[in-house]
N, C-alpha and C. Protein backbone atom coordinates (compact mmCIF):
# COMPACT_ATOMS: atom_id res chain seq x y z
N UNK A 1 49.45 176.21 15.66
CA UNK A 1 50.72 175.35 14.94
C UNK A 1 51.35 174.40 16.48
N UNK A 2 51.23 175.47 17.03
CA UNK A 2 52.55 175.87 18.53
C UNK A 2 51.77 174.29 19.89
N UNK A 3 50.39 175.05 19.73
CA UNK A 3 49.70 174.80 20.51
C UNK A 3 49.75 173.12 20.32
N UNK A 4 49.52 172.89 19.10
CA UNK A 4 49.19 170.78 18.57
C UNK A 4 50.45 170.08 19.00
N UNK A 5 52.28 170.64 19.05
CA UNK A 5 52.85 170.20 19.14
C UNK A 5 53.12 169.93 20.65
N UNK A 6 52.28 170.67 20.87
CA UNK A 6 52.35 170.99 22.52
C UNK A 6 51.62 170.13 23.69
N UNK A 7 50.71 170.00 22.47
CA UNK A 7 50.15 168.33 22.91
C UNK A 7 51.02 167.10 22.58
N UNK A 8 51.15 167.01 21.91
CA UNK A 8 52.31 165.84 21.27
C UNK A 8 53.01 165.69 22.66
N UNK A 9 53.98 167.29 23.04
CA UNK A 9 54.79 166.66 24.31
C UNK A 9 54.59 166.28 24.95
N UNK A 10 53.11 166.27 25.85
CA UNK A 10 53.14 166.06 27.13
C UNK A 10 52.60 164.96 27.65
N UNK A 11 52.37 164.22 26.23
CA UNK A 11 52.19 162.31 25.99
C UNK A 11 53.48 162.17 26.29
N UNK A 12 54.37 162.57 25.87
CA UNK A 12 55.96 161.36 25.63
C UNK A 12 57.00 161.60 27.31
N UNK A 13 57.31 160.51 26.63
CA UNK A 13 58.78 160.85 28.21
C UNK A 13 59.36 161.56 28.25
N UNK A 14 59.82 161.83 29.74
CA UNK A 14 60.97 163.06 29.78
C UNK A 14 62.00 162.03 28.77
N UNK A 15 62.87 160.86 29.44
CA UNK A 15 64.23 160.72 28.31
C UNK A 15 63.38 160.62 27.23
N UNK A 16 62.90 160.31 26.17
CA UNK A 16 62.78 160.74 24.75
C UNK A 16 62.72 161.56 24.63
N UNK A 17 62.02 162.59 24.89
CA UNK A 17 62.20 164.42 24.95
C UNK A 17 63.56 165.07 25.50
N UNK A 18 64.11 164.25 26.13
CA UNK A 18 66.47 165.10 26.42
C UNK A 18 66.15 164.38 25.20
N UNK A 19 66.36 162.93 24.80
CA UNK A 19 67.53 162.19 23.67
C UNK A 19 67.39 163.11 23.05
N UNK A 20 65.88 163.37 22.46
CA UNK A 20 66.31 164.17 21.07
C UNK A 20 67.10 165.70 21.09
N UNK A 21 66.47 166.30 22.79
CA UNK A 21 67.63 167.92 22.75
C UNK A 21 68.77 166.95 22.55
N UNK A 22 69.27 166.21 22.47
CA UNK A 22 70.70 166.08 22.22
C UNK A 22 71.21 166.26 24.03
N UNK A 23 70.36 165.66 24.99
CA UNK A 23 70.90 166.12 26.42
C UNK A 23 71.10 164.92 27.36
N UNK A 24 72.94 165.15 28.51
CA UNK A 24 71.98 164.03 29.81
C UNK A 24 71.51 164.00 30.43
N UNK A 25 71.70 162.75 30.99
CA UNK A 25 70.43 162.82 32.40
C UNK A 25 71.71 164.22 33.42
N UNK A 26 72.40 164.80 33.44
CA UNK A 26 73.61 165.79 33.48
C UNK A 26 73.49 167.21 33.51
N UNK A 27 73.16 167.15 32.14
CA UNK A 27 72.93 168.11 31.57
C UNK A 27 71.12 169.32 31.71
N UNK A 28 70.80 168.26 31.35
CA UNK A 28 69.11 168.80 31.92
C UNK A 28 69.09 169.39 33.06
N UNK A 29 70.45 168.09 34.29
CA UNK A 29 69.85 168.87 35.61
C UNK A 29 70.48 169.62 36.07
N UNK A 30 72.00 170.88 35.41
CA UNK A 30 72.16 171.80 35.21
C UNK A 30 71.81 172.29 34.71
N UNK A 31 71.17 172.60 33.68
CA UNK A 31 70.02 173.88 33.54
C UNK A 31 69.58 174.04 33.53
N UNK A 32 68.26 173.38 34.45
CA UNK A 32 67.35 173.07 35.72
C UNK A 32 67.80 173.86 37.11
N UNK A 33 68.68 173.86 37.72
CA UNK A 33 69.45 172.83 38.79
C UNK A 33 69.17 172.43 39.27
N UNK A 34 69.07 170.86 39.23
CA UNK A 34 68.00 169.85 39.77
C UNK A 34 69.26 169.02 39.97
N UNK A 35 69.17 167.48 40.68
CA UNK A 35 70.02 167.38 41.63
C UNK A 35 70.23 166.16 39.98
N UNK A 36 71.07 165.24 39.75
CA UNK A 36 70.97 164.17 38.63
C UNK A 36 69.73 163.28 38.54
N UNK A 37 69.77 163.43 40.22
CA UNK A 37 69.37 161.75 40.65
C UNK A 37 67.71 162.33 40.79
N UNK A 38 67.11 163.65 40.03
CA UNK A 38 65.95 164.44 41.02
C UNK A 38 65.52 163.82 39.28
N UNK A 39 66.42 163.84 38.34
CA UNK A 39 65.88 163.98 37.07
C UNK A 39 66.62 162.52 35.42
N UNK A 40 67.11 161.84 36.91
CA UNK A 40 66.71 159.68 36.59
C UNK A 40 65.75 159.39 36.78
N UNK A 41 64.76 160.07 38.54
CA UNK A 41 64.07 160.00 39.07
C UNK A 41 62.17 160.32 38.12
N UNK A 42 62.95 161.26 37.45
CA UNK A 42 61.82 161.66 36.55
C UNK A 42 61.35 161.06 35.01
N UNK A 43 62.91 160.39 35.12
CA UNK A 43 62.60 160.44 33.16
C UNK A 43 62.00 159.19 32.44
N UNK A 44 61.07 158.52 33.29
CA UNK A 44 60.58 157.31 33.15
C UNK A 44 59.29 157.68 32.95
N UNK A 45 59.01 159.15 33.52
CA UNK A 45 57.30 159.33 33.83
C UNK A 45 57.39 160.80 32.60
N UNK A 46 55.84 160.11 31.85
CA UNK A 46 55.14 161.19 31.40
C UNK A 46 55.46 162.85 31.50
N UNK A 47 55.73 163.71 30.52
CA UNK A 47 55.77 165.59 31.27
C UNK A 47 53.81 165.39 31.81
N UNK A 48 52.56 165.38 31.05
CA UNK A 48 51.67 165.29 32.29
C UNK A 48 51.31 164.92 32.79
N UNK A 49 52.46 164.08 33.96
CA UNK A 49 52.22 163.04 35.06
C UNK A 49 53.27 163.92 35.80
N UNK A 50 54.22 164.98 34.91
CA UNK A 50 55.34 165.66 36.20
C UNK A 50 54.76 166.45 37.38
N UNK A 51 54.93 166.84 38.20
CA UNK A 51 54.22 168.06 39.21
C UNK A 51 54.30 169.09 38.89
N UNK A 52 53.46 170.40 39.18
CA UNK A 52 53.71 171.60 38.55
C UNK A 52 54.96 171.91 38.24
N UNK A 53 55.56 172.63 39.61
CA UNK A 53 56.89 173.24 38.88
C UNK A 53 58.05 173.03 38.86
N UNK A 54 57.97 172.05 38.59
CA UNK A 54 58.80 171.17 37.79
C UNK A 54 58.37 171.16 36.94
N UNK A 55 56.93 170.99 35.70
CA UNK A 55 57.11 171.17 34.60
C UNK A 55 57.08 172.41 34.23
N UNK A 56 57.35 173.50 35.13
CA UNK A 56 57.40 174.47 34.87
C UNK A 56 59.05 174.57 34.40
N UNK A 57 59.66 174.19 34.94
CA UNK A 57 61.05 174.02 34.90
C UNK A 57 61.31 173.96 33.18
N UNK A 58 60.81 172.05 33.35
CA UNK A 58 61.19 171.49 32.96
C UNK A 58 60.72 171.57 30.84
N UNK A 59 59.71 171.92 31.27
CA UNK A 59 58.71 171.87 30.29
C UNK A 59 59.16 172.78 28.30
N UNK A 60 60.21 174.31 29.29
CA UNK A 60 60.97 174.83 28.27
C UNK A 60 62.35 174.51 27.88
N UNK A 61 62.53 173.63 28.26
CA UNK A 61 64.12 172.84 28.19
C UNK A 61 63.64 171.54 26.79
N UNK A 62 62.42 170.64 26.94
CA UNK A 62 62.42 170.18 26.36
C UNK A 62 62.14 169.79 25.54
N UNK A 63 60.93 170.84 25.34
CA UNK A 63 60.72 171.68 24.08
C UNK A 63 61.59 172.26 23.28
N UNK A 64 62.79 172.37 23.44
CA UNK A 64 63.68 173.74 22.86
C UNK A 64 63.32 174.96 22.66
N UNK A 65 62.74 175.69 23.42
CA UNK A 65 62.35 177.09 24.10
C UNK A 65 63.32 177.91 24.20
N UNK A 66 64.05 177.31 25.11
CA UNK A 66 65.28 177.81 25.81
C UNK A 66 66.53 178.03 25.17
N UNK A 67 66.76 178.25 23.97
CA UNK A 67 68.03 178.23 23.29
C UNK A 67 67.77 179.58 22.79
N UNK A 68 66.99 180.90 23.03
CA UNK A 68 65.72 181.17 22.28
C UNK A 68 66.70 182.87 23.31
N UNK A 69 66.59 182.62 24.58
CA UNK A 69 67.35 183.08 25.35
C UNK A 69 68.42 183.73 25.41
N UNK A 70 69.27 182.65 25.00
CA UNK A 70 70.52 182.17 24.91
C UNK A 70 71.61 184.29 24.73
N UNK A 71 71.71 184.90 25.33
CA UNK A 71 72.86 186.26 25.33
C UNK A 71 74.18 185.13 24.36
N UNK A 72 74.07 186.72 23.25
CA UNK A 72 74.99 186.12 21.80
C UNK A 72 76.21 187.44 22.97
């Protein structure tokens, strides 16, 4: 079931997934450790069109998997 969910994520835009997680561009940039302007540049791109290293940084956050690694 997770594979089906990730397949649907790749066809969506970064901005849509970012908004679904309730993140601003600045917050996403801080989590990924990039500049805000870099996030704004990729906001209108689909996830499948992102470069490899950038996709590996952004995908766990946009899919919500980063929440599992927060130490309490």
